[in-house]
């Protein structure tokens, strides 16, 4: 237990054994499942944790309760990594009331078939008095599930933000209180892969929140003091605006020919004064980090091999992921490779055409097997077009 402000404590746990978060995202620094406790005239637990860590969480909760019993469990989000111990908690404290949105109450039954709970459904603007502390609830549908709400403690200005403002990494491996410089990288990777599709919903939530003094998310470190840097980043991210000047060059190469072209093109951009060039191997680099960089920068150069009369699978999977995450408002340049009948460019154009506000820059450059001096004029022209865009 760690008190974050008077009467409000952190009772979350770290998971250092999980290899893939949501069975798809690498987490080399582990993951935290954050949970909170308010001790007032009434006692409220805010969210539980993943069932993987049920025993250690329940042990810590009982110690933090100091002999008292919880009156309320506030469920901001029903995803299993935050609701995995609800069943065991209610067995220990059968008189506890679960406070959540009506849809979360429905999900509660779906995740716990055959069990009954004492519930109180709340809606936008409802409040819950605990004594000196009052929680006000704001609905946050599709941030990033439809049942989500956030809870705002009025006297301390503490926002219990559900998955918003989350970050990959266990608190014991990173930090309890966020540092702006260390926070952004893994928070960005988390945001665009978990919540990226739902920018409008995130933006709508940001606009209706009151003045916040402390942010207590469900994953990663807490935020306090000057919250402007964190809030500003979320405004940029949720509006799909460009965060950093630069170009991402992403390539998917089978035998090395496309890789050589991509590396050469990155060098051309650097020689022309591009402020930042990020080179990504879509066959080997972390897909989630590639998605993060695609959202961060304003221009994406795709260099990909043709494959089975289509597009090489790692490139196709990457573009499909961008489609799913709502990638938009960006510029794209294309380089394809094919030994006898190049098809990668056609497929890439079709996939980008299905995305919103995507501008193709320059002409498609088509390489046959390996780059030769005769390809240089086309690559040079494409580099000039990228720099001018």
Protein backbone atom coordinates (compact mmCIF):
# COMPACT_ATOMS: atom_id res chain seq x y z
CA UNK A 1 0.00 0.00 0.00
CA UNK A 2 1.18 3.52 -0.79
CA UNK A 3 -0.81 6.65 0.09
CA UNK A 4 -1.00 8.96 -2.93
CA UNK A 5 -3.03 11.71 -1.26
CA UNK A 6 -4.64 11.84 2.17
CA UNK A 7 -7.12 9.00 2.49
CA UNK A 8 -6.42 7.53 -0.98
CA UNK A 9 -3.94 4.69 -1.44
CA UNK A 10 -2.46 2.63 -4.25
CA UNK A 11 -2.99 -1.11 -3.80
CA UNK A 12 -2.05 -2.37 -7.27
CA UNK A 13 0.34 -5.18 -8.17
CA UNK A 14 3.01 -5.79 -10.80
CA UNK A 15 3.18 -8.69 -13.22
CA UNK A 16 6.76 -9.52 -14.14
CA UNK A 17 6.02 -12.98 -15.56
CA UNK A 18 3.63 -12.16 -18.41
CA UNK A 19 5.27 -12.36 -21.84
CA UNK A 20 2.56 -10.76 -23.99
CA UNK A 21 0.01 -8.21 -22.83
CA UNK A 22 -3.39 -8.97 -24.38
CA UNK A 23 -1.58 -11.94 -25.96
CA UNK A 24 0.06 -9.68 -28.55
CA UNK A 25 2.17 -6.84 -27.10
CA UNK A 26 5.69 -7.50 -25.84
CA UNK A 27 6.28 -6.07 -22.37
CA UNK A 28 10.00 -6.36 -21.54
CA UNK A 29 9.47 -4.32 -18.36
CA UNK A 30 6.39 -6.24 -17.24
CA UNK A 31 2.98 -4.71 -16.54
CA UNK A 32 1.22 -3.12 -13.61
CA UNK A 33 -2.40 -3.69 -12.69
CA UNK A 34 -3.37 -0.60 -10.75
CA UNK A 35 -6.03 -0.55 -8.05
CA UNK A 36 -6.88 2.04 -5.41
CA UNK A 37 -8.49 2.30 -1.99
CA UNK A 38 -10.33 5.22 -0.38
CA UNK A 39 -10.71 5.03 3.41
CA UNK A 40 -13.42 7.46 4.53
CA UNK A 41 -16.68 7.14 6.42
CA UNK A 42 -17.40 4.65 3.66
CA UNK A 43 -14.69 2.50 2.11
CA UNK A 44 -14.31 2.20 -1.66
CA UNK A 45 -12.08 -0.07 -3.71
CA UNK A 46 -11.45 1.22 -7.22
CA UNK A 47 -11.01 -1.69 -9.63
CA UNK A 48 -9.44 -5.08 -8.95
CA UNK A 49 -6.62 -6.73 -10.91
CA UNK A 50 -5.93 -9.65 -13.22
CA UNK A 51 -6.78 -13.06 -11.78
CA UNK A 52 -3.11 -13.99 -12.26
CA UNK A 53 -2.31 -11.79 -9.27
CA UNK A 54 -5.44 -12.42 -7.18
CA UNK A 55 -3.76 -13.83 -4.08
CA UNK A 56 -1.15 -11.10 -3.65
CA UNK A 57 -3.73 -8.37 -4.36
CA UNK A 58 -6.25 -9.72 -1.85
CA UNK A 59 -3.53 -10.02 0.77
CA UNK A 60 -2.48 -6.41 0.19
CA UNK A 61 -6.09 -5.19 0.22
CA UNK A 62 -6.87 -6.85 3.54
CA UNK A 63 -3.77 -5.32 5.07
CA UNK A 64 -4.66 -1.88 3.69
CA UNK A 65 -8.24 -2.12 5.02
CA UNK A 66 -6.90 -2.15 8.58
CA UNK A 67 -9.73 -4.33 9.79
CA UNK A 68 -12.49 -2.48 7.95
CA UNK A 69 -14.80 -3.85 5.28
CA UNK A 70 -15.25 -2.24 1.85
CA UNK A 71 -18.66 -0.73 1.18
CA UNK A 72 -18.17 -0.19 -2.55
CA UNK A 73 -16.23 -1.59 -5.47
CA UNK A 74 -15.98 1.01 -8.22
CA UNK A 75 -15.61 -0.73 -11.59
CA UNK A 76 -14.29 1.75 -14.13
CA UNK A 77 -13.50 -0.94 -16.70
CA UNK A 78 -14.63 -4.57 -17.02
CA UNK A 79 -11.70 -5.90 -19.04
CA UNK A 80 -10.42 -9.03 -17.27
CA UNK A 81 -7.04 -7.55 -16.32
CA UNK A 82 -8.99 -5.13 -14.09
CA UNK A 83 -12.01 -7.20 -13.08
CA UNK A 84 -10.41 -10.60 -12.62
CA UNK A 85 -10.83 -10.72 -8.84
CA UNK A 86 -14.39 -9.41 -8.53
CA UNK A 87 -15.78 -12.88 -7.87
CA UNK A 88 -13.35 -13.63 -5.05
CA UNK A 89 -13.70 -10.15 -3.57
CA UNK A 90 -17.48 -10.45 -3.33
CA UNK A 91 -17.15 -13.90 -1.76
CA UNK A 92 -15.00 -12.34 0.97
CA UNK A 93 -17.28 -9.30 1.34
CA UNK A 94 -20.79 -10.35 0.20
CA UNK A 95 -22.37 -7.03 1.28
CA UNK A 96 -20.15 -4.93 -1.00
CA UNK A 97 -21.97 -2.87 -3.65
CA UNK A 98 -20.51 -2.79 -7.15
CA UNK A 99 -20.79 0.67 -8.70
CA UNK A 100 -20.46 0.77 -12.50
CA UNK A 101 -22.22 1.79 -15.70
CA UNK A 102 -25.30 -0.18 -16.75
CA UNK A 103 -23.33 -1.83 -19.55
CA UNK A 104 -20.55 -2.79 -17.14
CA UNK A 105 -23.17 -4.42 -14.92
CA UNK A 106 -24.27 -6.44 -17.95
CA UNK A 107 -20.68 -7.44 -18.70
CA UNK A 108 -20.25 -8.38 -15.03
CA UNK A 109 -22.81 -11.13 -15.54
CA UNK A 110 -21.20 -12.26 -18.78
CA UNK A 111 -17.78 -12.69 -17.14
CA UNK A 112 -19.25 -14.30 -14.04
CA UNK A 113 -22.07 -16.56 -15.28
CA UNK A 114 -24.37 -17.88 -12.61
CA UNK A 115 -23.20 -15.45 -9.92
CA UNK A 116 -25.28 -12.67 -8.39
CA UNK A 117 -23.96 -9.32 -7.18
CA UNK A 118 -25.23 -6.28 -5.34
CA UNK A 119 -24.93 -3.54 -7.98
CA UNK A 120 -25.58 0.19 -8.41
CA UNK A 121 -25.63 1.45 -11.99
CA UNK A 122 -24.48 5.05 -12.44
CA UNK A 123 -24.61 7.43 -15.37
CA UNK A 124 -22.90 10.63 -16.53
CA UNK A 125 -22.53 13.15 -13.71
CA UNK A 126 -23.75 10.92 -10.88
CA UNK A 127 -21.93 11.25 -7.58
CA UNK A 128 -21.18 8.97 -4.68
CA UNK A 129 -20.41 10.46 -1.25
CA UNK A 130 -17.98 8.52 0.90
CA UNK A 131 -17.85 11.15 3.64
CA UNK A 132 -15.15 13.76 3.15
CA UNK A 133 -14.54 12.33 -0.32
CA UNK A 134 -17.02 12.47 -3.21
CA UNK A 135 -16.66 10.57 -6.47
CA UNK A 136 -18.18 12.01 -9.64
CA UNK A 137 -18.55 9.67 -12.60
CA UNK A 138 -18.01 10.50 -16.27
CA UNK A 139 -18.87 7.98 -18.95
CA UNK A 140 -16.06 7.18 -21.40
CA UNK A 141 -17.56 4.83 -23.99
CA UNK A 142 -15.05 3.21 -26.34
CA UNK A 143 -12.02 4.35 -24.34
CA UNK A 144 -11.53 1.63 -25.23
CA UNK A 145 -14.56 -0.56 -24.36
CA UNK A 146 -18.18 0.66 -24.47
CA UNK A 147 -18.85 0.29 -20.73
CA UNK A 148 -15.95 2.43 -19.48
CA UNK A 149 -16.30 5.29 -17.04
CA UNK A 150 -13.77 7.38 -15.14
CA UNK A 151 -14.12 8.47 -11.53
CA UNK A 152 -13.15 11.94 -10.31
CA UNK A 153 -12.58 12.55 -6.60
CA UNK A 154 -13.64 16.15 -6.13
CA UNK A 155 -11.82 17.24 -2.98
CA UNK A 156 -8.34 16.13 -4.16
CA UNK A 157 -8.79 16.53 -7.94
CA UNK A 158 -7.82 12.89 -8.47
CA UNK A 159 -8.90 11.28 -11.74
CA UNK A 160 -9.15 7.49 -11.73
CA UNK A 161 -8.79 7.31 -15.50
CA UNK A 162 -9.38 3.63 -16.37
CA UNK A 163 -7.17 2.65 -19.34
CA UNK A 164 -6.70 6.27 -20.40
CA UNK A 165 -3.18 7.58 -19.62
CA UNK A 166 -1.98 3.98 -19.30
CA UNK A 167 1.55 2.83 -20.03
CA UNK A 168 3.36 -0.45 -20.56
CA UNK A 169 5.76 -1.47 -17.80
CA UNK A 170 5.64 -2.63 -14.20
CA UNK A 171 5.85 0.17 -11.66
CA UNK A 172 8.70 -1.60 -9.83
CA UNK A 173 10.67 -1.60 -13.10
CA UNK A 174 9.88 1.95 -14.21
CA UNK A 175 8.60 4.48 -11.66
CA UNK A 176 5.64 5.06 -9.37
CA UNK A 177 5.32 8.74 -10.33
CA UNK A 178 5.61 9.45 -14.03
CA UNK A 179 8.46 11.50 -15.42
CA UNK A 180 7.54 13.25 -18.66
CA UNK A 181 10.70 12.20 -20.52
CA UNK A 182 10.52 8.55 -19.49
CA UNK A 183 6.73 8.28 -19.76
CA UNK A 184 6.04 9.22 -23.37
CA UNK A 185 7.64 6.35 -25.31
CA UNK A 186 5.86 3.37 -23.78
CA UNK A 187 2.73 5.45 -23.14
CA UNK A 188 2.62 6.24 -26.85
CA UNK A 189 3.07 2.60 -27.83
CA UNK A 190 0.32 1.69 -25.38
CA UNK A 191 -2.07 4.42 -26.51
CA UNK A 192 -1.94 3.87 -30.26
CA UNK A 193 -2.14 0.10 -30.00
CA UNK A 194 -4.83 -0.05 -27.30
CA UNK A 195 -6.87 3.14 -27.84
CA UNK A 196 -5.64 4.52 -31.17
CA UNK A 197 -8.79 3.71 -33.11
CA UNK A 198 -10.90 5.72 -30.67
CA UNK A 199 -9.37 9.17 -30.96
CA UNK A 200 -12.72 11.02 -31.16
CA UNK A 201 -13.94 9.31 -28.00
CA UNK A 202 -10.70 10.11 -26.17
CA UNK A 203 -10.94 13.73 -27.31
CA UNK A 204 -14.55 13.97 -26.14
CA UNK A 205 -13.59 12.69 -22.69
CA UNK A 206 -10.72 15.18 -22.38
CA UNK A 207 -13.06 18.08 -23.15
CA UNK A 208 -15.57 17.31 -20.42
CA UNK A 209 -13.20 16.55 -17.55
CA UNK A 210 -12.84 19.09 -14.70
CA UNK A 211 -9.52 20.50 -13.50
CA UNK A 212 -7.31 17.55 -12.61
CA UNK A 213 -4.51 17.56 -10.04
CA UNK A 214 -3.55 13.88 -10.13
CA UNK A 215 -4.10 11.10 -12.67
CA UNK A 216 -4.37 7.53 -11.42
CA UNK A 217 -4.54 5.16 -14.44
CA UNK A 218 -5.11 1.41 -14.46
CA UNK A 219 -1.65 0.69 -15.94
CA UNK A 220 1.69 2.35 -15.37
CA UNK A 221 2.86 5.25 -13.23
CA UNK A 222 0.66 7.94 -11.72
CA UNK A 223 0.89 11.59 -12.80
CA UNK A 224 0.92 14.69 -10.58
CA UNK A 225 2.17 18.30 -10.38
CA UNK A 226 2.19 19.87 -13.85
CA UNK A 227 -0.10 17.64 -15.93
CA UNK A 228 0.07 19.87 -19.01
CA UNK A 229 2.66 17.77 -20.92
CA UNK A 230 0.58 14.60 -20.52
CA UNK A 231 -2.72 16.26 -21.37
CA UNK A 232 -1.20 18.00 -24.41
CA UNK A 233 0.16 14.73 -25.78
CA UNK A 234 -3.24 13.11 -25.40
CA UNK A 235 -4.84 16.00 -27.28
CA UNK A 236 -2.35 15.57 -30.14
CA UNK A 237 -2.75 11.79 -30.19
CA UNK A 238 -6.55 11.79 -30.00
CA UNK A 239 -6.77 14.29 -32.89
CA UNK A 240 -4.35 12.21 -35.04
CA UNK A 241 -2.05 15.20 -35.36
CA UNK A 242 1.67 14.88 -36.13
CA UNK A 243 3.67 14.79 -32.91
CA UNK A 244 7.25 14.94 -34.21
CA UNK A 245 8.92 16.13 -37.41
CA UNK A 246 10.39 13.29 -39.38
CA UNK A 247 9.86 10.39 -41.78
CA UNK A 248 9.34 6.72 -41.06
CA UNK A 249 10.81 4.34 -43.65
CA UNK A 250 9.26 0.91 -43.17
CA UNK A 251 10.36 -2.05 -45.26
CA UNK A 252 9.45 -5.71 -45.69
CA UNK A 253 12.22 -7.57 -47.50
CA UNK A 254 12.43 -11.25 -48.39
CA UNK A 255 15.99 -11.74 -49.63
CA UNK A 256 17.56 -8.37 -48.85
CA UNK A 257 16.96 -6.42 -52.06
CA UNK A 258 14.13 -4.32 -50.63
CA UNK A 259 16.07 -3.77 -47.42
CA UNK A 260 18.98 -2.30 -49.39
CA UNK A 261 16.63 0.06 -51.22
CA UNK A 262 15.03 1.21 -47.96
CA UNK A 263 18.38 1.83 -46.31
CA UNK A 264 19.57 3.78 -49.33
CA UNK A 265 16.40 5.85 -49.38
CA UNK A 266 16.78 6.65 -45.68
CA UNK A 267 20.30 7.88 -46.42
CA UNK A 268 18.97 10.07 -49.22
CA UNK A 269 16.50 11.70 -46.83
CA UNK A 270 19.21 12.31 -44.23
CA UNK A 271 21.48 13.84 -46.85
CA UNK A 272 18.67 16.24 -47.77
CA UNK A 273 18.36 17.41 -44.17
CA UNK A 274 15.38 15.39 -42.92
CA UNK A 275 15.20 16.16 -39.16
CA UNK A 276 14.51 12.53 -38.19
CA UNK A 277 14.48 9.30 -40.18
CA UNK A 278 13.19 6.15 -38.47
CA UNK A 279 14.06 2.92 -40.29
CA UNK A 280 11.86 -0.07 -39.41
CA UNK A 281 12.19 -3.70 -40.49
CA UNK A 282 8.60 -4.97 -40.58
CA UNK A 283 9.77 -8.59 -40.66
CA UNK A 284 11.67 -8.41 -37.37
CA UNK A 285 10.94 -5.24 -35.38
CA UNK A 286 8.14 -4.98 -32.84
CA UNK A 287 4.85 -4.42 -34.69
CA UNK A 288 3.43 -2.31 -31.86
CA UNK A 289 6.43 0.02 -31.96
CA UNK A 290 6.10 0.30 -35.73
CA UNK A 291 2.47 1.37 -35.31
CA UNK A 292 3.55 3.88 -32.66
CA UNK A 293 6.09 5.46 -35.04
CA UNK A 294 3.62 5.55 -37.92
CA UNK A 295 1.31 7.68 -35.77
CA UNK A 296 4.13 9.81 -34.40
CA UNK A 297 5.55 11.11 -37.70
CA UNK A 298 3.84 12.85 -40.60
CA UNK A 299 5.22 10.83 -43.52
CA UNK A 300 5.49 7.09 -44.04
CA UNK A 301 7.64 5.57 -46.79
CA UNK A 302 6.66 1.96 -47.50
CA UNK A 303 9.16 -0.29 -49.28
CA UNK A 304 7.83 -3.80 -49.78
CA UNK A 305 8.39 -6.92 -51.83
CA UNK A 306 5.70 -8.48 -53.99
CA UNK A 307 4.52 -11.90 -52.83
CA UNK A 308 2.01 -14.42 -54.24
CA UNK A 309 0.75 -11.82 -56.71
CA UNK A 310 0.12 -9.48 -53.81
CA UNK A 311 2.04 -7.89 -50.94
CA UNK A 312 4.66 -9.53 -48.73
CA UNK A 313 2.86 -10.67 -45.57
CA UNK A 314 4.66 -8.53 -42.93
CA UNK A 315 3.89 -5.37 -44.92
CA UNK A 316 0.28 -6.44 -45.46
CA UNK A 317 -0.15 -7.19 -41.75
CA UNK A 318 1.32 -3.81 -40.80
CA UNK A 319 -0.99 -1.89 -43.14
CA UNK A 320 -3.95 -3.94 -41.96
CA UNK A 321 -3.06 -2.99 -38.38
CA UNK A 322 -2.92 0.69 -39.34
CA UNK A 323 -6.37 0.36 -40.90
CA UNK A 324 -7.71 -1.21 -37.71
CA UNK A 325 -6.22 1.55 -35.55
CA UNK A 326 -7.73 4.34 -37.64
CA UNK A 327 -4.43 5.70 -38.99
CA UNK A 328 -5.11 8.94 -40.87
CA UNK A 329 -3.99 12.47 -41.79
CA UNK A 330 -0.61 11.31 -43.10
CA UNK A 331 1.54 11.39 -46.26
CA UNK A 332 2.74 8.18 -47.92
CA UNK A 333 5.45 7.35 -50.48
CA UNK A 334 5.74 3.91 -52.06
CA UNK A 335 8.55 1.67 -53.25
CA UNK A 336 7.84 -1.83 -54.54
CA UNK A 337 10.06 -4.75 -55.53
CA UNK A 338 9.29 -7.66 -57.80
CA UNK A 339 11.40 -9.91 -59.98
CA UNK A 340 8.94 -10.59 -62.83
CA UNK A 341 5.57 -8.93 -62.09
CA UNK A 342 5.66 -6.38 -59.25
CA UNK A 343 2.32 -6.23 -57.41
CA UNK A 344 3.20 -4.73 -54.03
CA UNK A 345 2.55 -1.15 -55.14
CA UNK A 346 -0.96 -1.92 -56.38
CA UNK A 347 -1.95 -3.62 -53.14
CA UNK A 348 -0.45 -0.87 -50.99
CA UNK A 349 -2.32 1.80 -52.94
CA UNK A 350 -5.56 -0.11 -52.47
CA UNK A 351 -5.01 -0.43 -48.73
CA UNK A 352 -4.09 3.22 -48.26
CA UNK A 353 -7.11 4.26 -50.35
CA UNK A 354 -9.31 2.68 -47.66
CA UNK A 355 -7.79 4.93 -44.99
CA UNK A 356 -8.84 8.48 -44.16
CA UNK A 357 -7.01 11.61 -45.34
CA UNK A 358 -3.97 9.82 -46.77
CA UNK A 359 -1.97 11.73 -49.41
CA UNK A 360 0.29 9.83 -51.79
CA UNK A 361 3.56 11.68 -52.40
CA UNK A 362 5.60 11.33 -55.59
CA UNK A 363 5.51 8.45 -58.05
CA UNK A 364 5.68 4.77 -57.19
CA UNK A 365 9.25 3.48 -57.57
CA UNK A 366 9.40 -0.07 -58.90
CA UNK A 367 12.57 -2.11 -58.36
CA UNK A 368 13.31 -5.34 -60.24
CA UNK A 369 15.04 -7.77 -57.86
CA UNK A 370 17.89 -5.51 -56.74
CA UNK A 371 18.61 -1.81 -56.93
CA UNK A 372 20.80 -0.68 -59.83
CA UNK A 373 22.20 2.72 -60.83
CA UNK A 374 19.31 3.09 -63.28
CA UNK A 375 16.92 3.26 -60.30
CA UNK A 376 18.71 6.23 -58.78
CA UNK A 377 16.86 9.02 -60.67
CA UNK A 378 13.46 7.69 -59.58
CA UNK A 379 14.58 7.31 -55.96
CA UNK A 380 16.12 10.77 -56.01
CA UNK A 381 12.89 12.26 -57.35
CA UNK A 382 10.84 10.46 -54.70
CA UNK A 383 13.16 11.70 -51.93
CA UNK A 384 12.75 15.28 -53.20
CA UNK A 385 8.97 14.85 -53.23
CA UNK A 386 8.98 13.55 -49.65
CA UNK A 387 11.11 16.45 -48.45
CA UNK A 388 8.87 18.94 -50.23
CA UNK A 389 5.64 17.52 -48.84
